[in-house]
Amino acid sequence: MDGTLDTWFKREVLSHEAALMRYLRRVWPARDEVEDLRQEVYIRAYEAARRSRPAAVRPFLLTIARNLMADRQRRARIVSIEAVSDPDALNILVEEVSPERRVGAWQDLKRAIRALNQLPPKCREVVWLKRVEELPIKEIADRLRISVRTAENQVFRGMQALCATLFSDEQAHFESEHRPDQTATERQHGE
C-alpha cells in the first residue's frame, strides 16, 4: 500500500464521513445498506485517488455516492424475462425524476416562458403554433392570414431570439458562478 495515499485518504476523505453518512441516510431508502454504501464509496474513492487525487474531495465523494446509488437502482430494476409470467409487468419506468431534476425543469420552463413572452406578439403566436402545437407551416399561414414565407421567417426569427435569450441567460449564470475574481466560498454564499 502507498503510505502517502493512505495518509491523504485518512486526512482528506475520512474527514467527510459525517456529511457522507447524512447524505446516504437522507437519500437511500434501505437504512440497513447505508454502511455498505459508505464502504463502497470509500473503495471507489481510494481506487480513483490512485490515478489522480481530486481537488474537491467532498463533492467527489458525494458524486461517487450518487453514481453508486444509481447503479444499485438500475440493477434492482433489471427483471429476468423468464421470471416474469405477465409481460405487462415489464412496463416500468426506467428513470424516476429526482427532486433536483424536477426543480431544474421548472426553472428551465420559467426561463423559456419569459423568453417566449419577450417575442413580438405575432412572432410569439407563430412560434407557439409551430413548436408547441406542432402545426404545419401552411396551416399556420392560413390560420393567421399571412404568407407561408412570412410564417417561416417568423419561426426562424423567433427561434433565433429564443435561443439567444436562453443561451445568454445560461452563459450569464455560468459566468457568474465561475468568475475568477470570486473565491469558492464567495460563490457558494452568493457574495
N, C-alpha and C. Protein backbone atom coordinates (compact mmCIF):
# COMPACT_ATOMS: atom_id res chain seq x y z
N MET A 1 0.83 -1.20 0.00
CA MET A 1 0.00 0.00 0.00
C MET A 1 0.87 1.25 0.00
N ASP A 2 0.36 2.26 -0.64
CA ASP A 2 1.04 3.54 -0.73
C ASP A 2 0.78 4.34 0.54
N GLY A 3 1.84 4.57 1.33
CA GLY A 3 1.70 5.29 2.60
C GLY A 3 1.19 6.70 2.42
N THR A 4 1.63 7.39 1.38
CA THR A 4 1.17 8.76 1.18
C THR A 4 -0.30 8.78 0.77
N LEU A 5 -0.73 7.79 0.00
CA LEU A 5 -2.14 7.70 -0.38
C LEU A 5 -2.99 7.41 0.86
N ASP A 6 -2.51 6.51 1.70
CA ASP A 6 -3.25 6.19 2.93
C ASP A 6 -3.37 7.42 3.82
N THR A 7 -2.30 8.16 3.96
CA THR A 7 -2.32 9.37 4.78
C THR A 7 -3.28 10.39 4.19
N TRP A 8 -3.21 10.58 2.88
CA TRP A 8 -4.14 11.51 2.21
C TRP A 8 -5.58 11.07 2.43
N PHE A 9 -5.85 9.77 2.27
CA PHE A 9 -7.19 9.24 2.42
C PHE A 9 -7.74 9.48 3.83
N LYS A 10 -6.93 9.20 4.82
CA LYS A 10 -7.37 9.41 6.21
C LYS A 10 -7.65 10.89 6.47
N ARG A 11 -6.76 11.74 6.00
CA ARG A 11 -6.89 13.17 6.27
C ARG A 11 -8.01 13.82 5.45
N GLU A 12 -8.05 13.52 4.16
CA GLU A 12 -8.97 14.24 3.26
C GLU A 12 -10.33 13.57 3.10
N VAL A 13 -10.37 12.26 3.06
CA VAL A 13 -11.62 11.56 2.77
C VAL A 13 -12.40 11.26 4.05
N LEU A 14 -11.73 10.66 5.01
CA LEU A 14 -12.45 10.27 6.22
C LEU A 14 -12.96 11.47 7.02
N SER A 15 -12.41 12.62 6.79
CA SER A 15 -12.90 13.82 7.49
C SER A 15 -14.31 14.21 7.01
N HIS A 16 -14.75 13.65 5.89
CA HIS A 16 -16.08 13.95 5.36
C HIS A 16 -17.09 12.84 5.65
N GLU A 17 -16.72 11.93 6.54
CA GLU A 17 -17.60 10.79 6.81
C GLU A 17 -18.97 11.21 7.32
N ALA A 18 -19.04 12.17 8.20
CA ALA A 18 -20.33 12.60 8.76
C ALA A 18 -21.25 13.14 7.65
N ALA A 19 -20.71 13.97 6.77
CA ALA A 19 -21.51 14.53 5.68
C ALA A 19 -21.96 13.42 4.73
N LEU A 20 -21.05 12.49 4.43
CA LEU A 20 -21.38 11.39 3.54
C LEU A 20 -22.51 10.54 4.15
N MET A 21 -22.41 10.23 5.43
CA MET A 21 -23.43 9.42 6.08
C MET A 21 -24.78 10.15 6.13
N ARG A 22 -24.77 11.45 6.39
CA ARG A 22 -26.03 12.22 6.38
C ARG A 22 -26.68 12.13 5.01
N TYR A 23 -25.86 12.31 3.98
CA TYR A 23 -26.36 12.25 2.61
C TYR A 23 -26.95 10.87 2.31
N LEU A 24 -26.21 9.82 2.62
CA LEU A 24 -26.68 8.47 2.34
C LEU A 24 -27.96 8.15 3.11
N ARG A 25 -28.03 8.52 4.37
CA ARG A 25 -29.23 8.26 5.17
C ARG A 25 -30.44 9.02 4.64
N ARG A 26 -30.19 10.24 4.16
CA ARG A 26 -31.28 11.06 3.66
C ARG A 26 -31.81 10.54 2.32
N VAL A 27 -30.92 10.03 1.47
CA VAL A 27 -31.30 9.68 0.10
C VAL A 27 -31.63 8.20 -0.08
N TRP A 28 -30.89 7.34 0.58
CA TRP A 28 -31.06 5.90 0.32
C TRP A 28 -32.15 5.33 1.21
N PRO A 29 -33.16 4.68 0.63
CA PRO A 29 -34.31 4.23 1.42
C PRO A 29 -34.00 3.03 2.34
N ALA A 30 -33.07 2.17 1.95
CA ALA A 30 -32.77 0.98 2.75
C ALA A 30 -31.71 1.32 3.80
N ARG A 31 -32.13 1.62 5.00
CA ARG A 31 -31.22 2.05 6.08
C ARG A 31 -30.15 1.01 6.38
N ASP A 32 -30.48 -0.28 6.25
CA ASP A 32 -29.52 -1.33 6.57
C ASP A 32 -28.39 -1.43 5.54
N GLU A 33 -28.51 -0.74 4.41
CA GLU A 33 -27.48 -0.78 3.38
C GLU A 33 -26.56 0.44 3.40
N VAL A 34 -26.85 1.41 4.25
CA VAL A 34 -26.10 2.67 4.25
C VAL A 34 -24.62 2.46 4.55
N GLU A 35 -24.31 1.64 5.53
CA GLU A 35 -22.89 1.43 5.86
C GLU A 35 -22.16 0.69 4.74
N ASP A 36 -22.84 -0.24 4.08
CA ASP A 36 -22.24 -0.91 2.92
C ASP A 36 -21.97 0.09 1.80
N LEU A 37 -22.92 0.98 1.58
CA LEU A 37 -22.73 2.02 0.56
C LEU A 37 -21.53 2.88 0.90
N ARG A 38 -21.42 3.27 2.16
CA ARG A 38 -20.29 4.10 2.58
C ARG A 38 -18.98 3.40 2.26
N GLN A 39 -18.89 2.12 2.59
CA GLN A 39 -17.66 1.37 2.33
C GLN A 39 -17.36 1.30 0.84
N GLU A 40 -18.39 1.11 0.04
CA GLU A 40 -18.18 1.05 -1.41
C GLU A 40 -17.72 2.41 -1.94
N VAL A 41 -18.28 3.48 -1.39
CA VAL A 41 -17.84 4.82 -1.78
C VAL A 41 -16.36 4.98 -1.46
N TYR A 42 -15.96 4.54 -0.27
CA TYR A 42 -14.55 4.65 0.12
C TYR A 42 -13.65 3.84 -0.81
N ILE A 43 -14.10 2.66 -1.18
CA ILE A 43 -13.30 1.81 -2.07
C ILE A 43 -13.12 2.51 -3.42
N ARG A 44 -14.22 3.03 -3.96
CA ARG A 44 -14.14 3.70 -5.27
C ARG A 44 -13.29 4.97 -5.18
N ALA A 45 -13.42 5.69 -4.08
CA ALA A 45 -12.64 6.92 -3.91
C ALA A 45 -11.15 6.59 -3.83
N TYR A 46 -10.82 5.55 -3.08
CA TYR A 46 -9.41 5.14 -2.92
C TYR A 46 -8.82 4.71 -4.26
N GLU A 47 -9.61 3.90 -5.00
CA GLU A 47 -9.12 3.42 -6.30
C GLU A 47 -8.95 4.58 -7.29
N ALA A 48 -9.88 5.52 -7.26
CA ALA A 48 -9.78 6.68 -8.17
C ALA A 48 -8.59 7.55 -7.77
N ALA A 49 -8.34 7.68 -6.47
CA ALA A 49 -7.24 8.53 -6.00
C ALA A 49 -5.88 7.94 -6.34
N ARG A 50 -5.83 6.65 -6.59
CA ARG A 50 -4.57 6.04 -7.04
C ARG A 50 -4.15 6.65 -8.37
N ARG A 51 -5.12 6.94 -9.22
CA ARG A 51 -4.83 7.51 -10.54
C ARG A 51 -4.62 9.02 -10.45
N SER A 52 -5.54 9.68 -9.74
CA SER A 52 -5.47 11.14 -9.64
C SER A 52 -6.30 11.58 -8.44
N ARG A 53 -5.71 12.41 -7.62
CA ARG A 53 -6.42 12.87 -6.43
C ARG A 53 -7.28 14.08 -6.77
N PRO A 54 -8.52 14.06 -6.32
CA PRO A 54 -9.43 15.16 -6.63
C PRO A 54 -9.07 16.43 -5.87
N ALA A 55 -9.36 17.55 -6.46
CA ALA A 55 -9.10 18.83 -5.80
C ALA A 55 -10.15 19.11 -4.74
N ALA A 56 -11.40 18.78 -5.03
CA ALA A 56 -12.51 19.00 -4.08
C ALA A 56 -13.03 17.63 -3.65
N VAL A 57 -12.67 17.22 -2.45
CA VAL A 57 -12.94 15.85 -2.01
C VAL A 57 -14.42 15.62 -1.69
N ARG A 58 -15.05 16.55 -0.99
CA ARG A 58 -16.45 16.32 -0.58
C ARG A 58 -17.37 16.15 -1.79
N PRO A 59 -17.34 17.06 -2.78
CA PRO A 59 -18.19 16.84 -3.96
C PRO A 59 -17.85 15.55 -4.69
N PHE A 60 -16.56 15.21 -4.68
CA PHE A 60 -16.10 13.97 -5.30
C PHE A 60 -16.76 12.76 -4.62
N LEU A 61 -16.76 12.75 -3.29
CA LEU A 61 -17.38 11.64 -2.55
C LEU A 61 -18.88 11.57 -2.80
N LEU A 62 -19.54 12.72 -2.78
CA LEU A 62 -20.99 12.73 -2.97
C LEU A 62 -21.36 12.31 -4.39
N THR A 63 -20.52 12.63 -5.35
CA THR A 63 -20.76 12.20 -6.72
C THR A 63 -20.59 10.69 -6.83
N ILE A 64 -19.59 10.16 -6.20
CA ILE A 64 -19.40 8.70 -6.19
C ILE A 64 -20.62 8.04 -5.56
N ALA A 65 -21.08 8.59 -4.44
CA ALA A 65 -22.25 8.02 -3.75
C ALA A 65 -23.47 8.05 -4.65
N ARG A 66 -23.70 9.19 -5.30
CA ARG A 66 -24.86 9.31 -6.19
C ARG A 66 -24.79 8.30 -7.34
N ASN A 67 -23.61 8.16 -7.94
CA ASN A 67 -23.44 7.19 -9.03
C ASN A 67 -23.61 5.76 -8.55
N LEU A 68 -23.11 5.47 -7.38
CA LEU A 68 -23.24 4.14 -6.81
C LEU A 68 -24.71 3.80 -6.56
N MET A 69 -25.45 4.74 -5.99
CA MET A 69 -26.87 4.51 -5.74
C MET A 69 -27.63 4.34 -7.05
N ALA A 70 -27.28 5.11 -8.07
CA ALA A 70 -27.93 4.97 -9.37
C ALA A 70 -27.65 3.58 -9.96
N ASP A 71 -26.40 3.12 -9.82
CA ASP A 71 -26.06 1.78 -10.29
C ASP A 71 -26.88 0.72 -9.58
N ARG A 72 -27.00 0.86 -8.28
CA ARG A 72 -27.78 -0.12 -7.50
C ARG A 72 -29.25 -0.09 -7.90
N GLN A 73 -29.79 1.07 -8.12
CA GLN A 73 -31.19 1.16 -8.54
C GLN A 73 -31.39 0.53 -9.91
N ARG A 74 -30.47 0.77 -10.82
CA ARG A 74 -30.57 0.16 -12.15
C ARG A 74 -30.53 -1.36 -12.05
N ARG A 75 -29.60 -1.87 -11.26
CA ARG A 75 -29.50 -3.33 -11.11
C ARG A 75 -30.76 -3.91 -10.47
N ALA A 76 -31.35 -3.18 -9.53
CA ALA A 76 -32.56 -3.67 -8.87
C ALA A 76 -33.75 -3.70 -9.82
N ARG A 77 -33.73 -2.88 -10.85
CA ARG A 77 -34.84 -2.83 -11.80
C ARG A 77 -34.73 -3.87 -12.91
N ILE A 78 -33.58 -4.50 -13.04
CA ILE A 78 -33.42 -5.50 -14.08
C ILE A 78 -34.21 -6.74 -13.69
N VAL A 79 -35.13 -7.11 -14.57
CA VAL A 79 -36.00 -8.25 -14.30
C VAL A 79 -35.79 -9.28 -15.40
N SER A 80 -35.57 -10.51 -15.01
CA SER A 80 -35.38 -11.57 -15.99
C SER A 80 -36.70 -11.81 -16.72
N ILE A 81 -36.66 -11.88 -18.03
CA ILE A 81 -37.87 -12.10 -18.82
C ILE A 81 -38.46 -13.47 -18.49
N GLU A 82 -37.60 -14.46 -18.25
CA GLU A 82 -38.09 -15.79 -17.89
C GLU A 82 -38.83 -15.78 -16.57
N ALA A 83 -38.45 -14.89 -15.65
CA ALA A 83 -39.06 -14.87 -14.32
C ALA A 83 -40.40 -14.14 -14.31
N VAL A 84 -40.75 -13.50 -15.41
CA VAL A 84 -41.99 -12.72 -15.45
C VAL A 84 -43.05 -13.49 -16.22
N SER A 85 -44.15 -13.82 -15.54
CA SER A 85 -45.22 -14.52 -16.23
C SER A 85 -46.13 -13.53 -16.96
N ASP A 86 -46.19 -12.28 -16.46
CA ASP A 86 -47.03 -11.25 -17.06
C ASP A 86 -46.14 -10.25 -17.79
N PRO A 87 -46.15 -10.22 -19.11
CA PRO A 87 -45.27 -9.29 -19.85
C PRO A 87 -45.56 -7.82 -19.53
N ASP A 88 -46.79 -7.50 -19.13
CA ASP A 88 -47.09 -6.10 -18.78
C ASP A 88 -46.33 -5.66 -17.53
N ALA A 89 -45.87 -6.61 -16.74
CA ALA A 89 -45.10 -6.25 -15.54
C ALA A 89 -43.76 -5.62 -15.90
N LEU A 90 -43.32 -5.79 -17.14
CA LEU A 90 -42.06 -5.21 -17.56
C LEU A 90 -42.18 -3.73 -17.91
N ASN A 91 -43.38 -3.20 -17.98
CA ASN A 91 -43.60 -1.79 -18.30
C ASN A 91 -43.37 -0.94 -17.05
N ILE A 92 -42.12 -0.73 -16.73
CA ILE A 92 -41.75 0.07 -15.56
C ILE A 92 -40.98 1.29 -16.02
N LEU A 93 -40.98 2.30 -15.20
CA LEU A 93 -40.20 3.50 -15.51
C LEU A 93 -38.72 3.17 -15.41
N VAL A 94 -37.95 3.60 -16.39
CA VAL A 94 -36.52 3.34 -16.37
C VAL A 94 -35.83 4.30 -15.42
N GLU A 95 -36.28 5.55 -15.42
CA GLU A 95 -35.61 6.55 -14.60
C GLU A 95 -36.66 7.45 -13.95
N GLU A 96 -36.69 7.48 -12.64
CA GLU A 96 -37.60 8.37 -11.95
C GLU A 96 -36.97 9.75 -11.89
N VAL A 97 -37.80 10.76 -11.84
CA VAL A 97 -37.31 12.13 -11.81
C VAL A 97 -36.97 12.51 -10.38
N SER A 98 -35.73 12.92 -10.17
CA SER A 98 -35.30 13.33 -8.84
C SER A 98 -35.84 14.72 -8.54
N PRO A 99 -35.93 15.09 -7.27
CA PRO A 99 -36.38 16.44 -6.92
C PRO A 99 -35.51 17.52 -7.56
N GLU A 100 -34.20 17.27 -7.64
CA GLU A 100 -33.30 18.25 -8.25
C GLU A 100 -33.62 18.45 -9.72
N ARG A 101 -33.88 17.34 -10.43
CA ARG A 101 -34.21 17.45 -11.85
C ARG A 101 -35.56 18.13 -12.04
N ARG A 102 -36.50 17.84 -11.13
CA ARG A 102 -37.82 18.46 -11.23
C ARG A 102 -37.69 19.98 -11.05
N VAL A 103 -36.93 20.42 -10.06
CA VAL A 103 -36.73 21.86 -9.84
C VAL A 103 -36.02 22.48 -11.04
N GLY A 104 -35.01 21.80 -11.54
CA GLY A 104 -34.29 22.30 -12.71
C GLY A 104 -35.20 22.43 -13.92
N ALA A 105 -36.09 21.46 -14.09
CA ALA A 105 -37.03 21.51 -15.22
C ALA A 105 -37.98 22.69 -15.08
N TRP A 106 -38.46 22.94 -13.84
CA TRP A 106 -39.34 24.09 -13.62
C TRP A 106 -38.61 25.40 -13.89
N GLN A 107 -37.37 25.48 -13.48
CA GLN A 107 -36.60 26.70 -13.73
C GLN A 107 -36.38 26.90 -15.23
N ASP A 108 -36.09 25.82 -15.94
CA ASP A 108 -35.92 25.90 -17.39
C ASP A 108 -37.22 26.33 -18.07
N LEU A 109 -38.33 25.78 -17.60
CA LEU A 109 -39.63 26.13 -18.18
C LEU A 109 -39.95 27.61 -17.94
N LYS A 110 -39.69 28.10 -16.74
CA LYS A 110 -39.94 29.51 -16.45
C LYS A 110 -39.08 30.41 -17.33
N ARG A 111 -37.81 30.04 -17.53
CA ARG A 111 -36.94 30.82 -18.41
C ARG A 111 -37.45 30.81 -19.84
N ALA A 112 -37.92 29.65 -20.30
CA ALA A 112 -38.45 29.56 -21.66
C ALA A 112 -39.71 30.40 -21.82
N ILE A 113 -40.57 30.40 -20.82
CA ILE A 113 -41.79 31.23 -20.89
C ILE A 113 -41.44 32.71 -20.91
N ARG A 114 -40.49 33.11 -20.06
CA ARG A 114 -40.06 34.53 -20.06
C ARG A 114 -39.50 34.90 -21.43
N ALA A 115 -38.69 34.02 -22.00
CA ALA A 115 -38.09 34.31 -23.31
C ALA A 115 -39.18 34.37 -24.39
N LEU A 116 -40.14 33.47 -24.33
CA LEU A 116 -41.23 33.46 -25.30
C LEU A 116 -42.06 34.74 -25.18
N ASN A 117 -42.30 35.19 -23.96
CA ASN A 117 -43.09 36.40 -23.75
C ASN A 117 -42.38 37.67 -24.20
N GLN A 118 -41.07 37.60 -24.41
CA GLN A 118 -40.32 38.76 -24.89
C GLN A 118 -40.43 38.93 -26.40
N LEU A 119 -40.94 37.91 -27.09
CA LEU A 119 -41.08 38.00 -28.55
C LEU A 119 -42.24 38.93 -28.90
N PRO A 120 -42.18 39.56 -30.08
CA PRO A 120 -43.33 40.34 -30.54
C PRO A 120 -44.55 39.43 -30.65
N PRO A 121 -45.77 39.95 -30.43
CA PRO A 121 -46.97 39.11 -30.36
C PRO A 121 -47.16 38.18 -31.57
N LYS A 122 -47.03 38.70 -32.78
CA LYS A 122 -47.26 37.86 -33.97
C LYS A 122 -46.20 36.76 -34.06
N CYS A 123 -44.98 37.12 -33.79
CA CYS A 123 -43.88 36.15 -33.81
C CYS A 123 -44.10 35.07 -32.74
N ARG A 124 -44.49 35.50 -31.55
CA ARG A 124 -44.76 34.57 -30.44
C ARG A 124 -45.86 33.58 -30.85
N GLU A 125 -46.91 34.10 -31.49
CA GLU A 125 -48.02 33.25 -31.90
C GLU A 125 -47.58 32.21 -32.94
N VAL A 126 -46.80 32.64 -33.90
CA VAL A 126 -46.31 31.73 -34.95
C VAL A 126 -45.41 30.65 -34.33
N VAL A 127 -44.49 31.06 -33.48
CA VAL A 127 -43.59 30.10 -32.83
C VAL A 127 -44.39 29.11 -31.99
N TRP A 128 -45.37 29.60 -31.25
CA TRP A 128 -46.21 28.74 -30.41
C TRP A 128 -46.93 27.70 -31.27
N LEU A 129 -47.55 28.15 -32.34
CA LEU A 129 -48.29 27.23 -33.20
C LEU A 129 -47.38 26.18 -33.84
N LYS A 130 -46.17 26.61 -34.21
CA LYS A 130 -45.25 25.69 -34.88
C LYS A 130 -44.57 24.74 -33.89
N ARG A 131 -44.02 25.27 -32.81
CA ARG A 131 -43.20 24.46 -31.91
C ARG A 131 -43.97 23.78 -30.78
N VAL A 132 -45.05 24.38 -30.34
CA VAL A 132 -45.81 23.78 -29.23
C VAL A 132 -46.98 22.97 -29.76
N GLU A 133 -47.79 23.60 -30.62
CA GLU A 133 -48.94 22.88 -31.16
C GLU A 133 -48.58 22.02 -32.36
N GLU A 134 -47.35 22.18 -32.87
CA GLU A 134 -46.79 21.38 -33.96
C GLU A 134 -47.65 21.39 -35.22
N LEU A 135 -48.18 22.56 -35.55
CA LEU A 135 -48.96 22.70 -36.77
C LEU A 135 -48.03 22.85 -37.96
N PRO A 136 -48.46 22.39 -39.13
CA PRO A 136 -47.66 22.61 -40.34
C PRO A 136 -47.64 24.10 -40.66
N ILE A 137 -46.58 24.54 -41.28
CA ILE A 137 -46.39 25.96 -41.57
C ILE A 137 -47.51 26.49 -42.46
N LYS A 138 -48.00 25.68 -43.39
CA LYS A 138 -49.09 26.10 -44.28
C LYS A 138 -50.36 26.38 -43.48
N GLU A 139 -50.66 25.51 -42.54
CA GLU A 139 -51.85 25.72 -41.70
C GLU A 139 -51.71 26.97 -40.84
N ILE A 140 -50.51 27.22 -40.33
CA ILE A 140 -50.26 28.43 -39.54
C ILE A 140 -50.50 29.66 -40.41
N ALA A 141 -49.97 29.64 -41.63
CA ALA A 141 -50.13 30.77 -42.54
C ALA A 141 -51.61 31.00 -42.84
N ASP A 142 -52.34 29.93 -43.11
CA ASP A 142 -53.77 30.06 -43.40
C ASP A 142 -54.53 30.61 -42.18
N ARG A 143 -54.23 30.06 -41.01
CA ARG A 143 -54.93 30.47 -39.79
C ARG A 143 -54.71 31.94 -39.48
N LEU A 144 -53.46 32.42 -39.66
CA LEU A 144 -53.12 33.81 -39.31
C LEU A 144 -53.25 34.76 -40.50
N ARG A 145 -53.63 34.20 -41.64
CA ARG A 145 -53.80 35.00 -42.86
C ARG A 145 -52.52 35.76 -43.24
N ILE A 146 -51.43 34.99 -43.25
CA ILE A 146 -50.13 35.51 -43.68
C ILE A 146 -49.57 34.54 -44.70
N SER A 147 -48.53 34.96 -45.41
CA SER A 147 -47.94 34.06 -46.41
C SER A 147 -47.11 32.99 -45.70
N VAL A 148 -46.91 31.89 -46.41
CA VAL A 148 -46.07 30.81 -45.89
C VAL A 148 -44.67 31.33 -45.62
N ARG A 149 -44.17 32.14 -46.53
CA ARG A 149 -42.83 32.71 -46.37
C ARG A 149 -42.73 33.56 -45.10
N THR A 150 -43.74 34.37 -44.84
CA THR A 150 -43.76 35.19 -43.62
C THR A 150 -43.79 34.31 -42.38
N ALA A 151 -44.62 33.26 -42.43
CA ALA A 151 -44.70 32.34 -41.29
C ALA A 151 -43.34 31.67 -41.05
N GLU A 152 -42.68 31.24 -42.11
CA GLU A 152 -41.36 30.62 -41.98
C GLU A 152 -40.36 31.59 -41.38
N ASN A 153 -40.38 32.84 -41.88
CA ASN A 153 -39.47 33.86 -41.34
C ASN A 153 -39.74 34.14 -39.87
N GLN A 154 -41.01 34.18 -39.49
CA GLN A 154 -41.36 34.43 -38.09
C GLN A 154 -40.85 33.30 -37.19
N VAL A 155 -41.00 32.06 -37.65
CA VAL A 155 -40.50 30.92 -36.88
C VAL A 155 -38.98 31.01 -36.75
N PHE A 156 -38.32 31.29 -37.85
CA PHE A 156 -36.86 31.38 -37.84
C PHE A 156 -36.40 32.49 -36.90
N ARG A 157 -36.95 33.69 -37.04
CA ARG A 157 -36.54 34.82 -36.19
C ARG A 157 -36.90 34.57 -34.72
N GLY A 158 -38.08 34.00 -34.51
CA GLY A 158 -38.49 33.71 -33.14
C GLY A 158 -37.57 32.71 -32.46
N MET A 159 -37.22 31.65 -33.18
CA MET A 159 -36.33 30.64 -32.61
C MET A 159 -34.94 31.20 -32.38
N GLN A 160 -34.48 32.06 -33.28
CA GLN A 160 -33.18 32.72 -33.08
C GLN A 160 -33.21 33.56 -31.80
N ALA A 161 -34.28 34.33 -31.63
CA ALA A 161 -34.40 35.19 -30.44
C ALA A 161 -34.49 34.35 -29.17
N LEU A 162 -35.26 33.27 -29.21
CA LEU A 162 -35.38 32.40 -28.05
C LEU A 162 -34.03 31.80 -27.67
N CYS A 163 -33.33 31.30 -28.67
CA CYS A 163 -32.01 30.70 -28.41
C CYS A 163 -31.05 31.74 -27.86
N ALA A 164 -31.06 32.90 -28.44
CA ALA A 164 -30.15 33.96 -27.96
C ALA A 164 -30.46 34.30 -26.52
N THR A 165 -31.74 34.43 -26.19
CA THR A 165 -32.12 34.77 -24.82
C THR A 165 -31.78 33.64 -23.86
N LEU A 166 -32.18 32.43 -24.21
CA LEU A 166 -31.96 31.30 -23.30
C LEU A 166 -30.48 31.01 -23.11
N PHE A 167 -29.72 31.02 -24.20
CA PHE A 167 -28.31 30.69 -24.08
C PHE A 167 -27.52 31.82 -23.45
N SER A 168 -27.95 33.07 -23.65
CA SER A 168 -27.25 34.16 -22.98
C SER A 168 -27.53 34.12 -21.49
N ASP A 169 -28.76 33.70 -21.09
CA ASP A 169 -29.07 33.53 -19.66
C ASP A 169 -28.20 32.44 -19.06
N GLU A 170 -28.06 31.31 -19.78
CA GLU A 170 -27.20 30.23 -19.29
C GLU A 170 -25.76 30.69 -19.18
N GLN A 171 -25.29 31.40 -20.20
CA GLN A 171 -23.91 31.88 -20.20
C GLN A 171 -23.69 32.84 -19.04
N ALA A 172 -24.65 33.76 -18.82
CA ALA A 172 -24.51 34.71 -17.71
C ALA A 172 -24.51 33.99 -16.38
N HIS A 173 -25.37 32.99 -16.23
CA HIS A 173 -25.42 32.21 -14.99
C HIS A 173 -24.10 31.46 -14.79
N PHE A 174 -23.60 30.85 -15.85
CA PHE A 174 -22.33 30.12 -15.78
C PHE A 174 -21.21 31.07 -15.39
N GLU A 175 -21.15 32.22 -16.06
CA GLU A 175 -20.08 33.17 -15.79
C GLU A 175 -20.15 33.72 -14.38
N SER A 176 -21.36 33.94 -13.87
CA SER A 176 -21.49 34.47 -12.51
C SER A 176 -21.04 33.45 -11.48
N GLU A 177 -21.22 32.18 -11.79
CA GLU A 177 -20.79 31.13 -10.86
C GLU A 177 -19.32 30.81 -10.98
N HIS A 178 -18.70 31.21 -12.07
CA HIS A 178 -17.30 30.84 -12.30
C HIS A 178 -16.41 32.06 -12.52
N ARG A 179 -16.79 33.18 -11.93
CA ARG A 179 -15.97 34.38 -12.07
C ARG A 179 -14.64 34.15 -11.37
N PRO A 180 -13.54 34.47 -12.04
CA PRO A 180 -12.22 34.22 -11.45
C PRO A 180 -11.91 35.13 -10.27
N ASP A 181 -12.61 36.25 -10.13
CA ASP A 181 -12.30 37.16 -9.03
C ASP A 181 -13.05 36.80 -7.75
N GLN A 182 -13.81 35.72 -7.76
CA GLN A 182 -14.50 35.28 -6.56
C GLN A 182 -13.86 34.00 -6.04
N THR A 183 -13.82 33.87 -4.73
CA THR A 183 -13.35 32.63 -4.15
C THR A 183 -14.50 31.64 -4.15
N ALA A 184 -14.22 30.38 -3.93
CA ALA A 184 -15.26 29.36 -3.88
C ALA A 184 -16.28 29.67 -2.79
N THR A 185 -15.82 30.15 -1.65
CA THR A 185 -16.70 30.48 -0.54
C THR A 185 -17.65 31.61 -0.92
N GLU A 186 -17.14 32.63 -1.61
CA GLU A 186 -17.98 33.73 -2.02
C GLU A 186 -19.04 33.27 -3.01
N ARG A 187 -18.67 32.40 -3.96
CA ARG A 187 -19.64 31.88 -4.92
C ARG A 187 -20.70 31.06 -4.21
N GLN A 188 -20.27 30.28 -3.23
CA GLN A 188 -21.20 29.40 -2.52
C GLN A 188 -22.22 30.24 -1.73
N HIS A 189 -21.81 31.34 -1.19
CA HIS A 189 -22.70 32.16 -0.39
C HIS A 189 -23.31 33.32 -1.18
N GLY A 190 -23.03 33.36 -2.47
CA GLY A 190 -23.61 34.38 -3.33
C GLY A 190 -23.11 35.77 -3.05
N GLU A 191 -21.91 35.91 -2.57
CA GLU A 191 -21.36 37.22 -2.22
C GLU A 191 -20.72 37.87 -3.41
